Amino acid sequence: MTRALQRQDFAGDAVDVARSLIGATLLVDGVGGLIVEAEAYDMTDAAAHTHRGPTERNRAMFGPPGHAYVYFNYGLHWCLNFVCRESGHGAGVLIRALQPTHGLDRMRQRRGLDDERLLCAGPGRVGQALGITKALYGLPLDEPPFVLRAPDATGAIEVIAGPRVGISKAQALPWRFGLAGSRYVSRRF
């Protein structure tokens, strides 16, 4: 059995945390899978929600690490981020894609499709498949409804990096990480 991730596991730099999450297991109320794609954001980069400082919307990102930052994207999808670094800094990791392993029937029902590859290929799809809502905003990641387990230490995990996608600022930063060869990532690297 792999080690459960604790709040202190998120106290590092968002780039390092994003890379370390590839291959980890994320479950929300028993539904989820392996994290195969994640993007780092830091208040020092113009694409981060925290770049201009604390607001009512982003206050969780300035709180302690190891908590959920949930936001409604384009009025369509709830997206899940993990708060990183120390309180007051404003950094996090966006969960972009999962390889579904738990609760596939619930995911299919929530998403209204059968194609396993598309259930969690993109941050909005992850949010919908896992039932992410504003009710999860600010909750600790090491307590229910979340279960987070570190990547399996017995298997070699090859992590690849590339530029972030779906943003108009700071696109070139190689802060998007994925599981090499995964067919579940949202976009090719």
N, C-alpha and C. Protein backbone atom coordinates (compact mmCIF):
# COMPACT_ATOMS: atom_id res chain seq x y z
N MET A 1 0.85 -1.18 0.00
CA MET A 1 0.00 0.00 0.00
C MET A 1 0.89 1.24 0.00
N THR A 2 0.54 2.19 -0.81
CA THR A 2 1.34 3.41 -0.91
C THR A 2 1.00 4.36 0.24
N ARG A 3 1.90 5.25 0.49
CA ARG A 3 1.81 6.21 1.59
C ARG A 3 0.75 7.27 1.29
N ALA A 4 -0.06 7.59 2.30
CA ALA A 4 -1.03 8.68 2.17
C ALA A 4 -0.27 10.01 2.19
N LEU A 5 -0.63 10.91 1.30
CA LEU A 5 -0.03 12.23 1.29
C LEU A 5 -0.62 13.07 2.42
N GLN A 6 0.23 13.87 3.05
CA GLN A 6 -0.18 14.73 4.15
C GLN A 6 -0.02 16.19 3.74
N ARG A 7 -0.59 17.09 4.51
CA ARG A 7 -0.53 18.52 4.18
C ARG A 7 0.90 19.00 3.97
N GLN A 8 1.83 18.51 4.78
CA GLN A 8 3.22 18.96 4.67
C GLN A 8 3.86 18.56 3.34
N ASP A 9 3.30 17.56 2.65
CA ASP A 9 3.81 17.16 1.35
C ASP A 9 3.59 18.24 0.28
N PHE A 10 2.75 19.22 0.57
CA PHE A 10 2.44 20.28 -0.37
C PHE A 10 3.15 21.59 -0.02
N ALA A 11 4.02 21.56 0.98
CA ALA A 11 4.67 22.78 1.45
C ALA A 11 5.80 23.25 0.53
N GLY A 12 6.15 22.49 -0.47
CA GLY A 12 7.24 22.85 -1.36
C GLY A 12 6.82 23.74 -2.51
N ASP A 13 7.77 24.01 -3.35
CA ASP A 13 7.55 24.79 -4.57
C ASP A 13 6.51 24.10 -5.44
N ALA A 14 5.61 24.87 -6.04
CA ALA A 14 4.52 24.30 -6.85
C ALA A 14 5.04 23.45 -8.01
N VAL A 15 6.15 23.85 -8.61
CA VAL A 15 6.71 23.09 -9.73
C VAL A 15 7.15 21.71 -9.24
N ASP A 16 7.83 21.66 -8.11
CA ASP A 16 8.28 20.38 -7.56
C ASP A 16 7.09 19.50 -7.13
N VAL A 17 6.10 20.13 -6.52
CA VAL A 17 4.92 19.38 -6.08
C VAL A 17 4.17 18.83 -7.29
N ALA A 18 3.99 19.65 -8.33
CA ALA A 18 3.28 19.18 -9.54
C ALA A 18 3.98 17.97 -10.13
N ARG A 19 5.29 18.03 -10.23
CA ARG A 19 6.06 16.91 -10.79
C ARG A 19 5.89 15.66 -9.91
N SER A 20 5.91 15.84 -8.59
CA SER A 20 5.84 14.70 -7.67
C SER A 20 4.45 14.06 -7.62
N LEU A 21 3.43 14.78 -8.07
CA LEU A 21 2.07 14.24 -8.05
C LEU A 21 1.76 13.30 -9.21
N ILE A 22 2.59 13.30 -10.24
CA ILE A 22 2.34 12.42 -11.38
C ILE A 22 2.48 10.97 -10.91
N GLY A 23 1.41 10.21 -11.11
CA GLY A 23 1.38 8.82 -10.65
C GLY A 23 0.73 8.65 -9.29
N ALA A 24 0.42 9.76 -8.61
CA ALA A 24 -0.28 9.68 -7.32
C ALA A 24 -1.74 9.32 -7.57
N THR A 25 -2.40 8.80 -6.57
CA THR A 25 -3.82 8.47 -6.65
C THR A 25 -4.63 9.55 -5.96
N LEU A 26 -5.65 10.04 -6.65
CA LEU A 26 -6.58 11.03 -6.11
C LEU A 26 -7.99 10.46 -6.16
N LEU A 27 -8.64 10.42 -5.01
CA LEU A 27 -10.04 10.01 -4.93
C LEU A 27 -10.82 11.08 -4.19
N VAL A 28 -12.04 11.34 -4.66
CA VAL A 28 -12.97 12.24 -3.98
C VAL A 28 -14.24 11.42 -3.77
N ASP A 29 -14.55 11.16 -2.51
CA ASP A 29 -15.68 10.28 -2.18
C ASP A 29 -15.59 8.95 -2.91
N GLY A 30 -14.39 8.41 -3.02
CA GLY A 30 -14.17 7.10 -3.62
C GLY A 30 -14.10 7.07 -5.13
N VAL A 31 -14.17 8.22 -5.78
CA VAL A 31 -14.14 8.30 -7.24
C VAL A 31 -12.85 9.00 -7.66
N GLY A 32 -12.12 8.42 -8.63
CA GLY A 32 -10.91 9.08 -9.11
C GLY A 32 -9.96 8.13 -9.81
N GLY A 33 -8.67 8.42 -9.68
CA GLY A 33 -7.67 7.61 -10.36
C GLY A 33 -6.28 8.16 -10.19
N LEU A 34 -5.41 7.78 -11.12
CA LEU A 34 -4.01 8.21 -11.10
C LEU A 34 -3.88 9.58 -11.74
N ILE A 35 -3.17 10.46 -11.08
CA ILE A 35 -2.90 11.78 -11.66
C ILE A 35 -1.88 11.59 -12.77
N VAL A 36 -2.26 11.93 -14.00
CA VAL A 36 -1.37 11.77 -15.14
C VAL A 36 -0.97 13.11 -15.75
N GLU A 37 -1.56 14.21 -15.27
CA GLU A 37 -1.20 15.53 -15.79
C GLU A 37 -1.54 16.59 -14.75
N ALA A 38 -0.60 17.49 -14.52
CA ALA A 38 -0.78 18.58 -13.56
C ALA A 38 0.02 19.79 -14.01
N GLU A 39 -0.44 20.98 -13.63
CA GLU A 39 0.26 22.23 -13.97
C GLU A 39 0.51 23.03 -12.71
N ALA A 40 1.71 23.61 -12.63
CA ALA A 40 2.08 24.45 -11.50
C ALA A 40 1.77 25.91 -11.79
N TYR A 41 1.38 26.62 -10.74
CA TYR A 41 1.13 28.07 -10.81
C TYR A 41 1.71 28.71 -9.57
N ASP A 42 2.31 29.88 -9.75
CA ASP A 42 2.94 30.60 -8.64
C ASP A 42 2.61 32.08 -8.80
N MET A 43 2.45 32.78 -7.70
CA MET A 43 2.07 34.18 -7.75
C MET A 43 3.08 35.04 -8.53
N THR A 44 4.27 34.50 -8.77
CA THR A 44 5.27 35.25 -9.54
C THR A 44 5.03 35.18 -11.05
N ASP A 45 4.09 34.29 -11.48
CA ASP A 45 3.83 34.19 -12.92
C ASP A 45 2.47 34.82 -13.24
N ALA A 46 2.40 35.49 -14.36
CA ALA A 46 1.24 36.29 -14.74
C ALA A 46 -0.01 35.46 -15.00
N ALA A 47 0.10 34.16 -15.20
CA ALA A 47 -1.07 33.32 -15.46
C ALA A 47 -1.77 32.85 -14.19
N ALA A 48 -1.14 33.02 -13.05
CA ALA A 48 -1.69 32.53 -11.79
C ALA A 48 -2.84 33.41 -11.31
N HIS A 49 -3.84 32.79 -10.73
CA HIS A 49 -4.95 33.54 -10.14
C HIS A 49 -4.47 34.42 -8.99
N THR A 50 -3.31 34.12 -8.46
CA THR A 50 -2.77 34.85 -7.30
C THR A 50 -1.81 35.97 -7.69
N HIS A 51 -1.57 36.15 -8.97
CA HIS A 51 -0.55 37.11 -9.43
C HIS A 51 -0.79 38.53 -8.91
N ARG A 52 -2.01 38.94 -8.82
CA ARG A 52 -2.31 40.31 -8.38
C ARG A 52 -2.60 40.41 -6.89
N GLY A 53 -2.39 39.33 -6.16
CA GLY A 53 -2.60 39.35 -4.72
C GLY A 53 -3.90 38.68 -4.30
N PRO A 54 -4.12 38.67 -2.98
CA PRO A 54 -5.30 37.98 -2.45
C PRO A 54 -6.62 38.69 -2.82
N THR A 55 -7.62 37.86 -3.10
CA THR A 55 -8.99 38.32 -3.33
C THR A 55 -9.92 37.34 -2.63
N GLU A 56 -11.20 37.65 -2.60
CA GLU A 56 -12.16 36.72 -2.02
C GLU A 56 -12.14 35.39 -2.78
N ARG A 57 -12.02 35.44 -4.10
CA ARG A 57 -12.02 34.23 -4.92
C ARG A 57 -10.82 33.33 -4.64
N ASN A 58 -9.63 33.91 -4.50
CA ASN A 58 -8.41 33.10 -4.41
C ASN A 58 -7.84 32.98 -3.00
N ARG A 59 -8.57 33.39 -1.97
CA ARG A 59 -8.02 33.42 -0.61
C ARG A 59 -7.45 32.08 -0.16
N ALA A 60 -8.04 30.96 -0.59
CA ALA A 60 -7.53 29.64 -0.19
C ALA A 60 -6.10 29.44 -0.67
N MET A 61 -5.74 30.02 -1.82
CA MET A 61 -4.38 29.87 -2.35
C MET A 61 -3.34 30.57 -1.48
N PHE A 62 -3.76 31.50 -0.65
CA PHE A 62 -2.85 32.18 0.25
C PHE A 62 -2.87 31.57 1.64
N GLY A 63 -3.64 30.50 1.79
CA GLY A 63 -3.72 29.82 3.07
C GLY A 63 -2.66 28.74 3.20
N PRO A 64 -2.83 27.87 4.16
CA PRO A 64 -1.82 26.82 4.38
C PRO A 64 -1.81 25.81 3.23
N PRO A 65 -0.66 25.20 2.98
CA PRO A 65 -0.56 24.18 1.93
C PRO A 65 -1.37 22.94 2.29
N GLY A 66 -1.67 22.15 1.24
CA GLY A 66 -2.39 20.91 1.46
C GLY A 66 -3.89 21.09 1.57
N HIS A 67 -4.40 22.16 0.97
CA HIS A 67 -5.84 22.42 0.95
C HIS A 67 -6.30 22.57 -0.49
N ALA A 68 -7.61 22.46 -0.69
CA ALA A 68 -8.19 22.56 -2.04
C ALA A 68 -8.50 24.02 -2.38
N TYR A 69 -8.14 24.39 -3.59
CA TYR A 69 -8.59 25.65 -4.18
C TYR A 69 -9.46 25.25 -5.36
N VAL A 70 -10.73 25.58 -5.29
CA VAL A 70 -11.70 25.22 -6.32
C VAL A 70 -12.23 26.50 -6.94
N TYR A 71 -12.29 26.54 -8.26
CA TYR A 71 -12.86 27.72 -8.92
C TYR A 71 -13.71 27.29 -10.10
N PHE A 72 -14.64 28.16 -10.45
CA PHE A 72 -15.55 27.93 -11.56
C PHE A 72 -14.94 28.56 -12.80
N ASN A 73 -14.64 27.75 -13.80
CA ASN A 73 -13.91 28.19 -14.99
C ASN A 73 -14.87 28.48 -16.14
N TYR A 74 -14.82 29.69 -16.65
CA TYR A 74 -15.63 30.10 -17.80
C TYR A 74 -17.12 29.86 -17.59
N GLY A 75 -17.57 29.85 -16.34
CA GLY A 75 -18.97 29.63 -16.06
C GLY A 75 -19.48 28.25 -16.42
N LEU A 76 -18.55 27.30 -16.62
CA LEU A 76 -18.93 25.96 -17.07
C LEU A 76 -18.48 24.83 -16.15
N HIS A 77 -17.24 24.91 -15.64
CA HIS A 77 -16.64 23.76 -14.97
C HIS A 77 -15.97 24.16 -13.66
N TRP A 78 -16.08 23.29 -12.67
CA TRP A 78 -15.32 23.44 -11.44
C TRP A 78 -13.95 22.79 -11.65
N CYS A 79 -12.90 23.49 -11.27
CA CYS A 79 -11.54 22.98 -11.40
C CYS A 79 -10.91 22.84 -10.02
N LEU A 80 -10.07 21.82 -9.87
CA LEU A 80 -9.46 21.49 -8.59
C LEU A 80 -7.96 21.78 -8.62
N ASN A 81 -7.51 22.52 -7.62
CA ASN A 81 -6.10 22.85 -7.43
C ASN A 81 -5.70 22.46 -6.02
N PHE A 82 -4.42 22.15 -5.85
CA PHE A 82 -3.86 21.86 -4.54
C PHE A 82 -2.96 23.02 -4.14
N VAL A 83 -3.22 23.63 -2.99
CA VAL A 83 -2.44 24.77 -2.50
C VAL A 83 -1.06 24.28 -2.07
N CYS A 84 -0.02 25.04 -2.47
CA CYS A 84 1.38 24.69 -2.18
C CYS A 84 2.08 25.82 -1.44
N ARG A 85 3.31 25.56 -1.09
CA ARG A 85 4.22 26.49 -0.42
C ARG A 85 3.72 26.86 0.97
N GLU A 86 4.18 27.97 1.48
CA GLU A 86 3.80 28.40 2.83
C GLU A 86 2.61 29.35 2.76
N SER A 87 1.91 29.48 3.88
CA SER A 87 0.78 30.40 3.93
C SER A 87 1.23 31.79 3.49
N GLY A 88 0.39 32.44 2.71
CA GLY A 88 0.67 33.80 2.27
C GLY A 88 1.36 33.89 0.93
N HIS A 89 1.83 32.77 0.36
CA HIS A 89 2.59 32.86 -0.89
C HIS A 89 1.72 32.85 -2.14
N GLY A 90 0.70 32.06 -2.22
CA GLY A 90 -0.17 32.04 -3.40
C GLY A 90 0.35 31.16 -4.53
N ALA A 91 0.46 29.86 -4.30
CA ALA A 91 0.92 28.92 -5.32
C ALA A 91 0.09 27.65 -5.24
N GLY A 92 -0.01 26.96 -6.37
CA GLY A 92 -0.78 25.74 -6.37
C GLY A 92 -0.56 24.90 -7.61
N VAL A 93 -1.23 23.76 -7.62
CA VAL A 93 -1.14 22.81 -8.73
C VAL A 93 -2.55 22.52 -9.23
N LEU A 94 -2.77 22.75 -10.51
CA LEU A 94 -4.03 22.42 -11.16
C LEU A 94 -3.99 20.96 -11.59
N ILE A 95 -5.00 20.20 -11.22
CA ILE A 95 -5.09 18.81 -11.64
C ILE A 95 -5.75 18.79 -13.02
N ARG A 96 -4.96 18.45 -14.04
CA ARG A 96 -5.43 18.51 -15.44
C ARG A 96 -6.00 17.22 -15.97
N ALA A 97 -5.52 16.06 -15.50
CA ALA A 97 -6.03 14.80 -16.04
C ALA A 97 -5.74 13.64 -15.10
N LEU A 98 -6.66 12.68 -15.13
CA LEU A 98 -6.51 11.44 -14.36
C LEU A 98 -6.70 10.25 -15.29
N GLN A 99 -6.07 9.16 -14.93
CA GLN A 99 -6.40 7.86 -15.52
C GLN A 99 -7.43 7.25 -14.60
N PRO A 100 -8.69 7.15 -15.03
CA PRO A 100 -9.75 6.67 -14.14
C PRO A 100 -9.49 5.24 -13.65
N THR A 101 -9.63 5.03 -12.35
CA THR A 101 -9.45 3.69 -11.77
C THR A 101 -10.54 3.33 -10.77
N HIS A 102 -11.21 4.31 -10.19
CA HIS A 102 -12.20 4.07 -9.15
C HIS A 102 -13.49 4.83 -9.47
N GLY A 103 -14.62 4.13 -9.38
CA GLY A 103 -15.90 4.79 -9.57
C GLY A 103 -16.21 5.16 -11.01
N LEU A 104 -15.78 4.34 -11.95
CA LEU A 104 -16.01 4.66 -13.36
C LEU A 104 -17.49 4.79 -13.71
N ASP A 105 -18.35 3.99 -13.11
CA ASP A 105 -19.78 4.11 -13.40
C ASP A 105 -20.31 5.48 -12.98
N ARG A 106 -19.87 5.97 -11.82
CA ARG A 106 -20.29 7.30 -11.37
C ARG A 106 -19.73 8.38 -12.29
N MET A 107 -18.48 8.21 -12.73
CA MET A 107 -17.89 9.18 -13.67
C MET A 107 -18.68 9.21 -14.97
N ARG A 108 -18.98 8.04 -15.49
CA ARG A 108 -19.73 7.96 -16.76
C ARG A 108 -21.10 8.62 -16.63
N GLN A 109 -21.73 8.42 -15.51
CA GLN A 109 -23.04 9.03 -15.28
C GLN A 109 -22.90 10.56 -15.20
N ARG A 110 -21.93 11.04 -14.46
CA ARG A 110 -21.73 12.49 -14.31
C ARG A 110 -21.34 13.15 -15.63
N ARG A 111 -20.54 12.45 -16.42
CA ARG A 111 -20.04 13.02 -17.67
C ARG A 111 -20.97 12.74 -18.86
N GLY A 112 -21.82 11.74 -18.74
CA GLY A 112 -22.72 11.41 -19.83
C GLY A 112 -22.04 10.82 -21.04
N LEU A 113 -20.97 10.05 -20.79
CA LEU A 113 -20.27 9.37 -21.89
C LEU A 113 -19.61 8.11 -21.39
N ASP A 114 -19.27 7.24 -22.33
CA ASP A 114 -18.68 5.94 -21.98
C ASP A 114 -17.17 5.88 -22.16
N ASP A 115 -16.62 6.72 -23.03
CA ASP A 115 -15.20 6.64 -23.39
C ASP A 115 -14.31 6.92 -22.17
N GLU A 116 -13.69 5.86 -21.66
CA GLU A 116 -12.86 5.97 -20.46
C GLU A 116 -11.75 7.01 -20.62
N ARG A 117 -11.17 7.10 -21.81
CA ARG A 117 -10.08 8.04 -22.04
C ARG A 117 -10.52 9.49 -21.86
N LEU A 118 -11.75 9.79 -22.15
CA LEU A 118 -12.24 11.18 -22.08
C LEU A 118 -12.90 11.54 -20.76
N LEU A 119 -13.04 10.60 -19.85
CA LEU A 119 -13.72 10.90 -18.59
C LEU A 119 -13.02 12.00 -17.80
N CYS A 120 -11.69 11.97 -17.76
CA CYS A 120 -10.93 12.90 -16.91
C CYS A 120 -9.77 13.55 -17.66
N ALA A 121 -9.92 13.76 -18.97
CA ALA A 121 -8.85 14.33 -19.80
C ALA A 121 -9.07 15.83 -19.95
N GLY A 122 -8.70 16.58 -18.93
CA GLY A 122 -8.85 18.03 -18.91
C GLY A 122 -9.38 18.45 -17.54
N PRO A 123 -9.02 19.63 -17.08
CA PRO A 123 -9.40 20.03 -15.71
C PRO A 123 -10.91 20.14 -15.49
N GLY A 124 -11.66 20.61 -16.49
CA GLY A 124 -13.10 20.66 -16.36
C GLY A 124 -13.72 19.28 -16.30
N ARG A 125 -13.18 18.37 -17.09
CA ARG A 125 -13.66 16.99 -17.09
C ARG A 125 -13.36 16.30 -15.77
N VAL A 126 -12.17 16.58 -15.21
CA VAL A 126 -11.82 16.04 -13.89
C VAL A 126 -12.84 16.52 -12.87
N GLY A 127 -13.12 17.81 -12.90
CA GLY A 127 -14.07 18.38 -11.95
C GLY A 127 -15.44 17.74 -12.05
N GLN A 128 -15.93 17.58 -13.27
CA GLN A 128 -17.25 16.99 -13.47
C GLN A 128 -17.25 15.52 -13.07
N ALA A 129 -16.27 14.76 -13.49
CA ALA A 129 -16.21 13.32 -13.21
C ALA A 129 -16.10 13.04 -11.71
N LEU A 130 -15.36 13.88 -10.99
CA LEU A 130 -15.17 13.67 -9.55
C LEU A 130 -16.22 14.36 -8.70
N GLY A 131 -17.13 15.10 -9.32
CA GLY A 131 -18.16 15.79 -8.56
C GLY A 131 -17.63 16.97 -7.76
N ILE A 132 -16.63 17.66 -8.31
CA ILE A 132 -16.02 18.82 -7.64
C ILE A 132 -17.02 19.97 -7.64
N THR A 133 -17.21 20.59 -6.47
CA THR A 133 -18.07 21.76 -6.35
C THR A 133 -17.41 22.77 -5.40
N LYS A 134 -18.02 23.91 -5.28
CA LYS A 134 -17.52 24.95 -4.37
C LYS A 134 -17.49 24.46 -2.92
N ALA A 135 -18.29 23.46 -2.59
CA ALA A 135 -18.33 22.93 -1.23
C ALA A 135 -16.96 22.39 -0.79
N LEU A 136 -16.08 22.06 -1.73
CA LEU A 136 -14.75 21.52 -1.41
C LEU A 136 -13.71 22.63 -1.22
N TYR A 137 -14.06 23.85 -1.52
CA TYR A 137 -13.14 24.99 -1.44
C TYR A 137 -12.54 25.09 -0.03
N GLY A 138 -11.22 25.09 0.03
CA GLY A 138 -10.51 25.28 1.29
C GLY A 138 -10.38 24.06 2.17
N LEU A 139 -10.97 22.94 1.78
CA LEU A 139 -10.89 21.74 2.61
C LEU A 139 -9.48 21.13 2.58
N PRO A 140 -9.06 20.50 3.69
CA PRO A 140 -7.76 19.84 3.72
C PRO A 140 -7.76 18.61 2.82
N LEU A 141 -6.66 18.40 2.13
CA LEU A 141 -6.53 17.30 1.18
C LEU A 141 -6.23 15.96 1.84
N ASP A 142 -5.89 15.98 3.13
CA ASP A 142 -5.57 14.72 3.82
C ASP A 142 -6.72 14.25 4.71
N GLU A 143 -7.93 14.74 4.42
CA GLU A 143 -9.12 14.33 5.14
C GLU A 143 -10.25 14.06 4.15
N PRO A 144 -11.23 13.23 4.55
CA PRO A 144 -12.37 13.00 3.66
C PRO A 144 -13.05 14.32 3.30
N PRO A 145 -13.53 14.44 2.06
CA PRO A 145 -13.80 13.38 1.10
C PRO A 145 -12.59 13.00 0.24
N PHE A 146 -11.43 13.62 0.50
CA PHE A 146 -10.24 13.36 -0.32
C PHE A 146 -9.47 12.17 0.21
N VAL A 147 -8.90 11.41 -0.72
CA VAL A 147 -7.88 10.40 -0.44
C VAL A 147 -6.78 10.67 -1.46
N LEU A 148 -5.58 10.89 -0.97
CA LEU A 148 -4.42 11.11 -1.84
C LEU A 148 -3.31 10.18 -1.40
N ARG A 149 -2.85 9.36 -2.34
CA ARG A 149 -1.75 8.44 -2.05
C ARG A 149 -0.59 8.73 -2.98
N ALA A 150 0.60 8.65 -2.43
CA ALA A 150 1.83 8.90 -3.19
C ALA A 150 1.95 7.88 -4.33
N PRO A 151 2.69 8.24 -5.37
CA PRO A 151 2.94 7.27 -6.44
C PRO A 151 3.57 6.00 -5.90
N ASP A 152 3.29 4.90 -6.54
CA ASP A 152 3.85 3.61 -6.16
C ASP A 152 5.36 3.66 -6.32
N ALA A 153 6.07 3.46 -5.24
CA ALA A 153 7.53 3.55 -5.25
C ALA A 153 8.19 2.37 -5.96
N THR A 154 7.45 1.29 -6.19
CA THR A 154 8.06 0.12 -6.81
C THR A 154 8.20 0.26 -8.32
N GLY A 155 7.36 1.07 -8.92
CA GLY A 155 7.42 1.23 -10.38
C GLY A 155 8.12 2.51 -10.77
N ALA A 156 8.84 2.47 -11.86
CA ALA A 156 9.51 3.67 -12.36
C ALA A 156 8.48 4.54 -13.07
N ILE A 157 8.43 5.80 -12.69
CA ILE A 157 7.50 6.74 -13.29
C ILE A 157 8.32 7.74 -14.09
N GLU A 158 8.06 7.80 -15.39
CA GLU A 158 8.74 8.77 -16.24
C GLU A 158 7.83 9.98 -16.41
N VAL A 159 8.29 11.10 -15.86
CA VAL A 159 7.53 12.35 -15.92
C VAL A 159 8.10 13.21 -17.03
N ILE A 160 7.20 13.74 -17.88
CA ILE A 160 7.62 14.65 -18.94
C ILE A 160 7.08 16.03 -18.62
N ALA A 161 7.73 17.05 -19.19
CA ALA A 161 7.35 18.44 -18.93
C ALA A 161 7.17 19.18 -20.24
N GLY A 162 6.35 20.20 -20.18
CA GLY A 162 6.13 21.04 -21.35
C GLY A 162 5.43 22.31 -20.95
N PRO A 163 5.15 23.17 -21.93
CA PRO A 163 4.47 24.43 -21.62
C PRO A 163 3.02 24.17 -21.19
N ARG A 164 2.50 25.08 -20.37
CA ARG A 164 1.11 24.98 -19.93
C ARG A 164 0.19 25.29 -21.11
N VAL A 165 -1.07 24.85 -20.99
CA VAL A 165 -2.03 25.03 -22.08
C VAL A 165 -3.26 25.75 -21.56
N GLY A 166 -4.01 26.35 -22.48
CA GLY A 166 -5.26 26.99 -22.13
C GLY A 166 -5.13 28.31 -21.41
N ILE A 167 -3.95 28.94 -21.50
CA ILE A 167 -3.73 30.24 -20.87
C ILE A 167 -3.15 31.19 -21.90
N SER A 168 -3.26 32.49 -21.63
CA SER A 168 -2.75 33.47 -22.58
C SER A 168 -1.49 34.15 -22.10
N LYS A 169 -1.12 33.98 -20.83
CA LYS A 169 0.07 34.60 -20.27
C LYS A 169 1.02 33.51 -19.76
N ALA A 170 2.31 33.78 -19.83
CA ALA A 170 3.34 32.88 -19.30
C ALA A 170 3.19 31.45 -19.83
N GLN A 171 2.79 31.32 -21.09
CA GLN A 171 2.58 30.01 -21.69
C GLN A 171 3.85 29.19 -21.82
N ALA A 172 4.96 29.84 -22.03
CA ALA A 172 6.19 29.11 -22.35
C ALA A 172 6.81 28.41 -21.14
N LEU A 173 6.39 28.76 -19.93
CA LEU A 173 6.98 28.11 -18.76
C LEU A 173 6.71 26.60 -18.83
N PRO A 174 7.73 25.78 -18.67
CA PRO A 174 7.54 24.32 -18.76
C PRO A 174 7.01 23.74 -17.46
N TRP A 175 5.86 24.23 -17.03
CA TRP A 175 5.29 23.87 -15.73
C TRP A 175 4.10 22.92 -15.85
N ARG A 176 3.96 22.30 -16.98
CA ARG A 176 2.93 21.26 -17.18
C ARG A 176 3.65 19.92 -17.16
N PHE A 177 3.19 19.01 -16.33
CA PHE A 177 3.85 17.72 -16.16
C PHE A 177 2.88 16.60 -16.48
N GLY A 178 3.41 15.53 -17.06
CA GLY A 178 2.56 14.41 -17.42
C GLY A 178 3.29 13.10 -17.29
N LEU A 179 2.50 12.04 -17.27
CA LEU A 179 3.03 10.68 -17.23
C LEU A 179 3.37 10.29 -18.66
N ALA A 180 4.64 10.01 -18.92
CA ALA A 180 5.10 9.66 -20.27
C ALA A 180 4.30 8.48 -20.81
N GLY A 181 3.82 8.62 -22.03
CA GLY A 181 3.12 7.55 -22.71
C GLY A 181 1.66 7.38 -22.31
N SER A 182 1.17 8.20 -21.39
CA SER A 182 -0.23 8.04 -20.97
C SER A 182 -1.18 8.49 -22.07
N ARG A 183 -2.20 7.69 -22.30
CA ARG A 183 -3.22 8.06 -23.27
C ARG A 183 -4.33 8.89 -22.63
N TYR A 184 -4.20 9.18 -21.33
CA TYR A 184 -5.23 9.89 -20.59
C TYR A 184 -4.94 11.38 -20.42
N VAL A 185 -3.78 11.87 -20.88
CA VAL A 185 -3.51 13.30 -20.75
C VAL A 185 -4.48 14.10 -21.61
N SER A 186 -4.67 15.37 -21.27
CA SER A 186 -5.64 16.19 -21.98
C SER A 186 -5.16 16.59 -23.38
N ARG A 187 -3.86 16.81 -23.49
CA ARG A 187 -3.24 17.14 -24.77
C ARG A 187 -1.84 16.53 -24.81
N ARG A 188 -1.39 16.23 -26.02
CA ARG A 188 -0.04 15.68 -26.16
C ARG A 188 1.00 16.69 -25.69
N PHE A 189 2.13 16.14 -25.28
CA PHE A 189 3.25 16.99 -24.88
C PHE A 189 4.15 17.21 -26.07
